[in-house]
Amino acid sequence: ISFDVRQGDICGIIGPNGAGKTTLFNCLSRLYTP
């Protein structure tokens, strides 16, 4: 997965159940290590 978020933006992450959205958040908050 690759993407950038610009300062001052609202970025929405969408996808069906099981798509990996929460896994991505857990990487960003360091609950998971990629």
PDB file of all heavy atoms in Angstrom:
ATOM      1  N   ILE A   1       0.845  -1.200   0.000  1.00  0.00           N
ATOM      2  CA  ILE A   1       0.000   0.000   0.000  1.00  0.00           C
ATOM      3  C   ILE A   1       0.881   1.252   0.000  1.00  0.00           C
ATOM      4  O   ILE A   1       1.799   1.372   0.812  1.00  0.00           O
ATOM      5  CB  ILE A   1      -0.911   0.025   1.230  1.00  0.00           C
ATOM      6  CG1 ILE A   1      -1.955  -1.097   1.160  1.00  0.00           C
ATOM      7  CG2 ILE A   1      -1.576   1.389   1.400  1.00  0.00           C
ATOM      8  CD1 ILE A   1      -3.095  -0.822   0.225  1.00  0.00           C
ATOM      9  N   SER A   2       0.581   2.188  -0.890  1.00  0.00           N
ATOM     10  CA  SER A   2       1.293   3.472  -0.940  1.00  0.00           C
ATOM     11  C   SER A   2       0.299   4.612  -1.150  1.00  0.00           C
ATOM     12  O   SER A   2      -0.604   4.506  -1.985  1.00  0.00           O
ATOM     13  CB  SER A   2       2.314   3.498  -2.088  1.00  0.00           C
ATOM     14  OG  SER A   2       3.326   2.534  -1.911  1.00  0.00           O
ATOM     15  N   PHE A   3       0.454   5.677  -0.384  1.00  0.00           N
ATOM     16  CA  PHE A   3      -0.310   6.911  -0.596  1.00  0.00           C
ATOM     17  C   PHE A   3       0.290   8.003   0.282  1.00  0.00           C
ATOM     18  O   PHE A   3       0.989   7.731   1.256  1.00  0.00           O
ATOM     19  CB  PHE A   3      -1.805   6.735  -0.289  1.00  0.00           C
ATOM     20  CG  PHE A   3      -2.115   6.428   1.153  1.00  0.00           C
ATOM     21  CD1 PHE A   3      -2.441   7.425   2.048  1.00  0.00           C
ATOM     22  CD2 PHE A   3      -2.097   5.113   1.603  1.00  0.00           C
ATOM     23  CE1 PHE A   3      -2.737   7.134   3.374  1.00  0.00           C
ATOM     24  CE2 PHE A   3      -2.392   4.808   2.924  1.00  0.00           C
ATOM     25  CZ  PHE A   3      -2.709   5.824   3.816  1.00  0.00           C
ATOM     26  N   ASP A   4       0.042   9.249  -0.080  1.00  0.00           N
ATOM     27  CA  ASP A   4       0.463  10.412   0.698  1.00  0.00           C
ATOM     28  C   ASP A   4      -0.774  11.148   1.198  1.00  0.00           C
ATOM     29  O   ASP A   4      -1.818  11.150   0.534  1.00  0.00           O
ATOM     30  CB  ASP A   4       1.297  11.385  -0.146  1.00  0.00           C
ATOM     31  CG  ASP A   4       2.639  10.811  -0.566  1.00  0.00           C
ATOM     32  OD1 ASP A   4       3.066   9.800   0.021  1.00  0.00           O
ATOM     33  OD2 ASP A   4       3.245  11.377  -1.502  1.00  0.00           O
ATOM     34  N   VAL A   5      -0.646  11.787   2.352  1.00  0.00           N
ATOM     35  CA  VAL A   5      -1.701  12.659   2.878  1.00  0.00           C
ATOM     36  C   VAL A   5      -1.092  14.040   3.079  1.00  0.00           C
ATOM     37  O   VAL A   5      -0.112  14.189   3.802  1.00  0.00           O
ATOM     38  CB  VAL A   5      -2.274  12.142   4.213  1.00  0.00           C
ATOM     39  CG1 VAL A   5      -3.341  13.109   4.738  1.00  0.00           C
ATOM     40  CG2 VAL A   5      -2.862  10.742   4.044  1.00  0.00           C
ATOM     41  N   ARG A   6      -1.659  15.035   2.407  1.00  0.00           N
ATOM     42  CA  ARG A   6      -1.146  16.395   2.517  1.00  0.00           C
ATOM     43  C   ARG A   6      -1.622  17.063   3.804  1.00  0.00           C
ATOM     44  O   ARG A   6      -2.724  16.799   4.282  1.00  0.00           O
ATOM     45  CB  ARG A   6      -1.589  17.226   1.313  1.00  0.00           C
ATOM     46  CG  ARG A   6      -1.093  16.706  -0.023  1.00  0.00           C
ATOM     47  CD  ARG A   6      -1.620  17.532  -1.168  1.00  0.00           C
ATOM     48  NE  ARG A   6      -3.084  17.536  -1.184  1.00  0.00           N
ATOM     49  CZ  ARG A   6      -3.806  18.258  -2.033  1.00  0.00           C
ATOM     50  NH1 ARG A   6      -3.209  19.059  -2.908  1.00  0.00           N
ATOM     51  NH2 ARG A   6      -5.126  18.205  -2.000  1.00  0.00           N
ATOM     52  N   GLN A   7      -0.782  17.932   4.327  1.00  0.00           N
ATOM     53  CA  GLN A   7      -1.147  18.673   5.524  1.00  0.00           C
ATOM     54  C   GLN A   7      -2.398  19.513   5.261  1.00  0.00           C
ATOM     55  O   GLN A   7      -2.526  20.168   4.246  1.00  0.00           O
ATOM     56  CB  GLN A   7      -0.001  19.583   5.959  1.00  0.00           C
ATOM     57  CG  GLN A   7      -0.278  20.328   7.249  1.00  0.00           C
ATOM     58  CD  GLN A   7       0.957  21.027   7.775  1.00  0.00           C
ATOM     59  OE1 GLN A   7       2.071  20.744   7.357  1.00  0.00           O
ATOM     60  NE2 GLN A   7       0.759  21.951   8.702  1.00  0.00           N
ATOM     61  N   GLY A   8      -3.358  19.443   6.192  1.00  0.00           N
ATOM     62  CA  GLY A   8      -4.586  20.211   6.070  1.00  0.00           C
ATOM     63  C   GLY A   8      -5.699  19.522   5.319  1.00  0.00           C
ATOM     64  O   GLY A   8      -6.776  20.092   5.157  1.00  0.00           O
ATOM     65  N   ASP A   9      -5.476  18.292   4.883  1.00  0.00           N
ATOM     66  CA  ASP A   9      -6.509  17.552   4.159  1.00  0.00           C
ATOM     67  C   ASP A   9      -7.262  16.601   5.085  1.00  0.00           C
ATOM     68  O   ASP A   9      -6.772  16.204   6.143  1.00  0.00           O
ATOM     69  CB  ASP A   9      -5.893  16.737   3.019  1.00  0.00           C
ATOM     70  CG  ASP A   9      -5.768  17.537   1.730  1.00  0.00           C
ATOM     71  OD1 ASP A   9      -6.132  18.732   1.731  1.00  0.00           O
ATOM     72  OD2 ASP A   9      -5.294  16.973   0.720  1.00  0.00           O
ATOM     73  N   ILE A  10      -8.453  16.230   4.646  1.00  0.00           N
ATOM     74  CA  ILE A  10      -9.197  15.122   5.234  1.00  0.00           C
ATOM     75  C   ILE A  10      -9.131  13.984   4.228  1.00  0.00           C
ATOM     76  O   ILE A  10      -9.594  14.125   3.088  1.00  0.00           O
ATOM     77  CB  ILE A  10     -10.663  15.506   5.506  1.00  0.00           C
ATOM     78  CG1 ILE A  10     -10.733  16.676   6.497  1.00  0.00           C
ATOM     79  CG2 ILE A  10     -11.443  14.304   6.040  1.00  0.00           C
ATOM     80  CD1 ILE A  10     -12.123  17.279   6.632  1.00  0.00           C
ATOM     81  N   CYS A  11      -8.531  12.876   4.631  1.00  0.00           N
ATOM     82  CA  CYS A  11      -8.361  11.725   3.747  1.00  0.00           C
ATOM     83  C   CYS A  11      -9.196  10.559   4.272  1.00  0.00           C
ATOM     84  O   CYS A  11      -9.038  10.143   5.423  1.00  0.00           O
ATOM     85  CB  CYS A  11      -6.889  11.322   3.668  1.00  0.00           C
ATOM     86  SG  CYS A  11      -6.574   9.840   2.666  1.00  0.00           S
ATOM     87  N   GLY A  12     -10.094  10.051   3.448  1.00  0.00           N
ATOM     88  CA  GLY A  12     -10.923   8.913   3.818  1.00  0.00           C
ATOM     89  C   GLY A  12     -10.359   7.616   3.264  1.00  0.00           C
ATOM     90  O   GLY A  12      -9.938   7.563   2.110  1.00  0.00           O
ATOM     91  N   ILE A  13     -10.339   6.586   4.110  1.00  0.00           N
ATOM     92  CA  ILE A  13      -9.915   5.242   3.691  1.00  0.00           C
ATOM     93  C   ILE A  13     -11.158   4.368   3.631  1.00  0.00           C
ATOM     94  O   ILE A  13     -11.851   4.195   4.645  1.00  0.00           O
ATOM     95  CB  ILE A  13      -8.903   4.625   4.682  1.00  0.00           C
ATOM     96  CG1 ILE A  13      -7.747   5.587   4.962  1.00  0.00           C
ATOM     97  CG2 ILE A  13      -8.398   3.287   4.164  1.00  0.00           C
ATOM     98  CD1 ILE A  13      -6.833   5.829   3.802  1.00  0.00           C
ATOM     99  N   ILE A  14     -11.469   3.835   2.468  1.00  0.00           N
ATOM    100  CA  ILE A  14     -12.672   3.025   2.309  1.00  0.00           C
ATOM    101  C   ILE A  14     -12.302   1.641   1.795  1.00  0.00           C
ATOM    102  O   ILE A  14     -11.216   1.418   1.267  1.00  0.00           O
ATOM    103  CB  ILE A  14     -13.691   3.682   1.365  1.00  0.00           C
ATOM    104  CG1 ILE A  14     -13.125   3.799  -0.064  1.00  0.00           C
ATOM    105  CG2 ILE A  14     -14.101   5.058   1.892  1.00  0.00           C
ATOM    106  CD1 ILE A  14     -14.166   4.225  -1.098  1.00  0.00           C
ATOM    107  N   GLY A  15     -13.241   0.722   1.949  1.00  0.00           N
ATOM    108  CA  GLY A  15     -13.060  -0.635   1.465  1.00  0.00           C
ATOM    109  C   GLY A  15     -14.039  -1.561   2.156  1.00  0.00           C
ATOM    110  O   GLY A  15     -14.507  -1.265   3.259  1.00  0.00           O
ATOM    111  N   PRO A  16     -14.368  -2.691   1.540  1.00  0.00           N
ATOM    112  CA  PRO A  16     -15.286  -3.650   2.157  1.00  0.00           C
ATOM    113  C   PRO A  16     -14.709  -4.219   3.453  1.00  0.00           C
ATOM    114  O   PRO A  16     -13.530  -4.024   3.768  1.00  0.00           O
ATOM    115  CB  PRO A  16     -15.427  -4.746   1.090  1.00  0.00           C
ATOM    116  CG  PRO A  16     -14.929  -4.144  -0.176  1.00  0.00           C
ATOM    117  CD  PRO A  16     -13.910  -3.125   0.207  1.00  0.00           C
ATOM    118  N   ASN A  17     -15.536  -4.922   4.225  1.00  0.00           N
ATOM    119  CA  ASN A  17     -15.052  -5.590   5.428  1.00  0.00           C
ATOM    120  C   ASN A  17     -13.889  -6.511   5.082  1.00  0.00           C
ATOM    121  O   ASN A  17     -13.936  -7.242   4.089  1.00  0.00           O
ATOM    122  CB  ASN A  17     -16.175  -6.423   6.065  1.00  0.00           C
ATOM    123  CG  ASN A  17     -17.196  -5.554   6.777  1.00  0.00           C
ATOM    124  OD1 ASN A  17     -16.857  -4.496   7.289  1.00  0.00           O
ATOM    125  ND2 ASN A  17     -18.444  -6.000   6.796  1.00  0.00           N
ATOM    126  N   GLY A  18     -12.849  -6.475   5.911  1.00  0.00           N
ATOM    127  CA  GLY A  18     -11.696  -7.338   5.681  1.00  0.00           C
ATOM    128  C   GLY A  18     -10.725  -6.813   4.647  1.00  0.00           C
ATOM    129  O   GLY A  18      -9.773  -7.509   4.272  1.00  0.00           O
ATOM    130  N   ALA A  19     -10.918  -5.561   4.198  1.00  0.00           N
ATOM    131  CA  ALA A  19     -10.047  -5.010   3.147  1.00  0.00           C
ATOM    132  C   ALA A  19      -8.647  -4.690   3.651  1.00  0.00           C
ATOM    133  O   ALA A  19      -7.703  -4.622   2.866  1.00  0.00           O
ATOM    134  CB  ALA A  19     -10.684  -3.754   2.546  1.00  0.00           C
ATOM    135  N   GLY A  20      -8.508  -4.455   4.964  1.00  0.00           N
ATOM    136  CA  GLY A  20      -7.199  -4.116   5.521  1.00  0.00           C
ATOM    137  C   GLY A  20      -7.135  -2.732   6.131  1.00  0.00           C
ATOM    138  O   GLY A  20      -6.055  -2.265   6.508  1.00  0.00           O
ATOM    139  N   LYS A  21      -8.286  -2.069   6.262  1.00  0.00           N
ATOM    140  CA  LYS A  21      -8.306  -0.686   6.746  1.00  0.00           C
ATOM    141  C   LYS A  21      -7.790  -0.576   8.187  1.00  0.00           C
ATOM    142  O   LYS A  21      -6.946   0.271   8.488  1.00  0.00           O
ATOM    143  CB  LYS A  21      -9.730  -0.125   6.655  1.00  0.00           C
ATOM    144  CG  LYS A  21     -10.339  -0.166   5.263  1.00  0.00           C
ATOM    145  CD  LYS A  21     -11.698   0.469   5.212  1.00  0.00           C
ATOM    146  CE  LYS A  21     -12.729  -0.231   6.084  1.00  0.00           C
ATOM    147  NZ  LYS A  21     -13.006  -1.618   5.629  1.00  0.00           N
ATOM    148  N   THR A  22      -8.304  -1.417   9.066  1.00  0.00           N
ATOM    149  CA  THR A  22      -7.875  -1.361  10.465  1.00  0.00           C
ATOM    150  C   THR A  22      -6.424  -1.801  10.603  1.00  0.00           C
ATOM    151  O   THR A  22      -5.675  -1.261  11.435  1.00  0.00           O
ATOM    152  CB  THR A  22      -8.795  -2.223  11.344  1.00  0.00           C
ATOM    153  OG1 THR A  22     -10.125  -1.689  11.286  1.00  0.00           O
ATOM    154  CG2 THR A  22      -8.331  -2.216  12.804  1.00  0.00           C
ATOM    155  N   THR A  23      -5.997  -2.757   9.802  1.00  0.00           N
ATOM    156  CA  THR A  23      -4.588  -3.168   9.814  1.00  0.00           C
ATOM    157  C   THR A  23      -3.693  -1.986   9.467  1.00  0.00           C
ATOM    158  O   THR A  23      -2.646  -1.770  10.089  1.00  0.00           O
ATOM    159  CB  THR A  23      -4.350  -4.321   8.815  1.00  0.00           C
ATOM    160  OG1 THR A  23      -5.139  -5.444   9.198  1.00  0.00           O
ATOM    161  CG2 THR A  23      -2.883  -4.722   8.784  1.00  0.00           C
ATOM    162  N   LEU A  24      -4.110  -1.199   8.483  1.00  0.00           N
ATOM    163  CA  LEU A  24      -3.350   0.001   8.107  1.00  0.00           C
ATOM    164  C   LEU A  24      -3.273   0.978   9.278  1.00  0.00           C
ATOM    165  O   LEU A  24      -2.191   1.496   9.598  1.00  0.00           O
ATOM    166  CB  LEU A  24      -4.001   0.663   6.898  1.00  0.00           C
ATOM    167  CG  LEU A  24      -3.416   2.007   6.458  1.00  0.00           C
ATOM    168  CD1 LEU A  24      -1.963   1.856   6.053  1.00  0.00           C
ATOM    169  CD2 LEU A  24      -4.238   2.601   5.316  1.00  0.00           C
ATOM    170  N   PHE A  25      -4.395   1.234   9.939  1.00  0.00           N
ATOM    171  CA  PHE A  25      -4.397   2.120  11.102  1.00  0.00           C
ATOM    172  C   PHE A  25      -3.493   1.585  12.207  1.00  0.00           C
ATOM    173  O   PHE A  25      -2.806   2.356  12.882  1.00  0.00           O
ATOM    174  CB  PHE A  25      -5.827   2.280  11.629  1.00  0.00           C
ATOM    175  CG  PHE A  25      -6.483   3.565  11.209  1.00  0.00           C
ATOM    176  CD1 PHE A  25      -6.184   4.149   9.987  1.00  0.00           C
ATOM    177  CD2 PHE A  25      -7.410   4.196  12.013  1.00  0.00           C
ATOM    178  CE1 PHE A  25      -6.782   5.323   9.592  1.00  0.00           C
ATOM    179  CE2 PHE A  25      -8.009   5.377  11.637  1.00  0.00           C
ATOM    180  CZ  PHE A  25      -7.704   5.945  10.424  1.00  0.00           C
ATOM    181  N   ASN A  26      -3.503   0.286  12.397  1.00  0.00           N
ATOM    182  CA  ASN A  26      -2.659  -0.304  13.436  1.00  0.00           C
ATOM    183  C   ASN A  26      -1.179  -0.158  13.119  1.00  0.00           C
ATOM    184  O   ASN A  26      -0.353  -0.069  14.030  1.00  0.00           O
ATOM    185  CB  ASN A  26      -3.013  -1.778  13.640  1.00  0.00           C
ATOM    186  CG  ASN A  26      -4.322  -1.969  14.378  1.00  0.00           C
ATOM    187  OD1 ASN A  26      -4.812  -1.059  15.042  1.00  0.00           O
ATOM    188  ND2 ASN A  26      -4.910  -3.152  14.262  1.00  0.00           N
ATOM    189  N   CYS A  27      -0.831  -0.096  11.837  1.00  0.00           N
ATOM    190  CA  CYS A  27       0.556   0.184  11.456  1.00  0.00           C
ATOM    191  C   CYS A  27       0.906   1.641  11.746  1.00  0.00           C
ATOM    192  O   CYS A  27       1.990   1.941  12.268  1.00  0.00           O
ATOM    193  CB  CYS A  27       0.773  -0.111   9.969  1.00  0.00           C
ATOM    194  SG  CYS A  27       0.722  -1.858   9.530  1.00  0.00           S
ATOM    195  N   LEU A  28      -0.020   2.549  11.431  1.00  0.00           N
ATOM    196  CA  LEU A  28       0.240   3.972  11.643  1.00  0.00           C
ATOM    197  C   LEU A  28       0.368   4.311  13.120  1.00  0.00           C
ATOM    198  O   LEU A  28       1.117   5.220  13.489  1.00  0.00           O
ATOM    199  CB  LEU A  28      -0.877   4.801  11.013  1.00  0.00           C
ATOM    200  CG  LEU A  28      -1.003   4.725   9.484  1.00  0.00           C
ATOM    201  CD1 LEU A  28      -2.240   5.448   9.006  1.00  0.00           C
ATOM    202  CD2 LEU A  28       0.241   5.292   8.813  1.00  0.00           C
ATOM    203  N   SER A  29      -0.369   3.601  13.976  1.00  0.00           N
ATOM    204  CA  SER A  29      -0.280   3.859  15.418  1.00  0.00           C
ATOM    205  C   SER A  29       0.698   2.923  16.105  1.00  0.00           C
ATOM    206  O   SER A  29       0.784   2.914  17.329  1.00  0.00           O
ATOM    207  CB  SER A  29      -1.674   3.758  16.056  1.00  0.00           C
ATOM    208  OG  SER A  29      -2.299   2.526  15.752  1.00  0.00           O
ATOM    209  N   ARG A  30       1.431   2.135  15.315  1.00  0.00           N
ATOM    210  CA  ARG A  30       2.530   1.285  15.788  1.00  0.00           C
ATOM    211  C   ARG A  30       2.066   0.098  16.631  1.00  0.00           C
ATOM    212  O   ARG A  30       2.843  -0.500  17.373  1.00  0.00           O
ATOM    213  CB  ARG A  30       3.582   2.100  16.545  1.00  0.00           C
ATOM    214  CG  ARG A  30       4.306   3.124  15.684  1.00  0.00           C
ATOM    215  CD  ARG A  30       5.182   2.476  14.604  1.00  0.00           C
ATOM    216  NE  ARG A  30       6.349   1.828  15.186  1.00  0.00           N
ATOM    217  CZ  ARG A  30       6.583   0.513  15.157  1.00  0.00           C
ATOM    218  NH1 ARG A  30       5.749  -0.315  14.576  1.00  0.00           N
ATOM    219  NH2 ARG A  30       7.679   0.029  15.704  1.00  0.00           N
ATOM    220  N   LEU A  31       0.779  -0.260  16.510  1.00  0.00           N
ATOM    221  CA  LEU A  31       0.330  -1.507  17.138  1.00  0.00           C
ATOM    222  C   LEU A  31       0.864  -2.699  16.357  1.00  0.00           C
ATOM    223  O   LEU A  31       1.107  -3.764  16.927  1.00  0.00           O
ATOM    224  CB  LEU A  31      -1.199  -1.549  17.192  1.00  0.00           C
ATOM    225  CG  LEU A  31      -1.870  -0.505  18.087  1.00  0.00           C
ATOM    226  CD1 LEU A  31      -3.381  -0.591  17.960  1.00  0.00           C
ATOM    227  CD2 LEU A  31      -1.448  -0.695  19.539  1.00  0.00           C
ATOM    228  N   TYR A  32       1.017  -2.520  15.038  1.00  0.00           N
ATOM    229  CA  TYR A  32       1.622  -3.531  14.173  1.00  0.00           C
ATOM    230  C   TYR A  32       2.884  -2.956  13.544  1.00  0.00           C
ATOM    231  O   TYR A  32       2.981  -1.749  13.321  1.00  0.00           O
ATOM    232  CB  TYR A  32       0.688  -3.938  13.028  1.00  0.00           C
ATOM    233  CG  TYR A  32      -0.581  -4.654  13.407  1.00  0.00           C
ATOM    234  CD1 TYR A  32      -1.613  -4.782  12.482  1.00  0.00           C
ATOM    235  CD2 TYR A  32      -0.757  -5.212  14.672  1.00  0.00           C
ATOM    236  CE1 TYR A  32      -2.788  -5.439  12.795  1.00  0.00           C
ATOM    237  CE2 TYR A  32      -1.933  -5.872  14.997  1.00  0.00           C
ATOM    238  CZ  TYR A  32      -2.950  -5.977  14.057  1.00  0.00           C
ATOM    239  OH  TYR A  32      -4.113  -6.625  14.364  1.00  0.00           O
ATOM    240  N   THR A  33       3.825  -3.839  13.242  1.00  0.00           N
ATOM    241  CA  THR A  33       5.005  -3.477  12.468  1.00  0.00           C
ATOM    242  C   THR A  33       4.890  -4.134  11.094  1.00  0.00           C
ATOM    243  O   THR A  33       4.761  -5.358  11.003  1.00  0.00           O
ATOM    244  CB  THR A  33       6.295  -3.951  13.156  1.00  0.00           C
ATOM    245  OG1 THR A  33       6.419  -3.289  14.420  1.00  0.00           O
ATOM    246  CG2 THR A  33       7.520  -3.627  12.304  1.00  0.00           C
ATOM    247  N   PRO A  34       4.895  -3.356  10.015  1.00  0.00           N
ATOM    248  CA  PRO A  34       4.757  -3.940   8.676  1.00  0.00           C
ATOM    249  C   PRO A  34       5.871  -4.936   8.359  1.00  0.00           C
ATOM    250  O   PRO A  34       6.993  -4.813   8.860  1.00  0.00           O
ATOM    251  CB  PRO A  34       4.845  -2.725   7.755  1.00  0.00           C
ATOM    252  CG  PRO A  34       4.483  -1.561   8.614  1.00  0.00           C
ATOM    253  CD  PRO A  34       4.986  -1.889   9.978  1.00  0.00           C
TER     254      PRO A  34
END
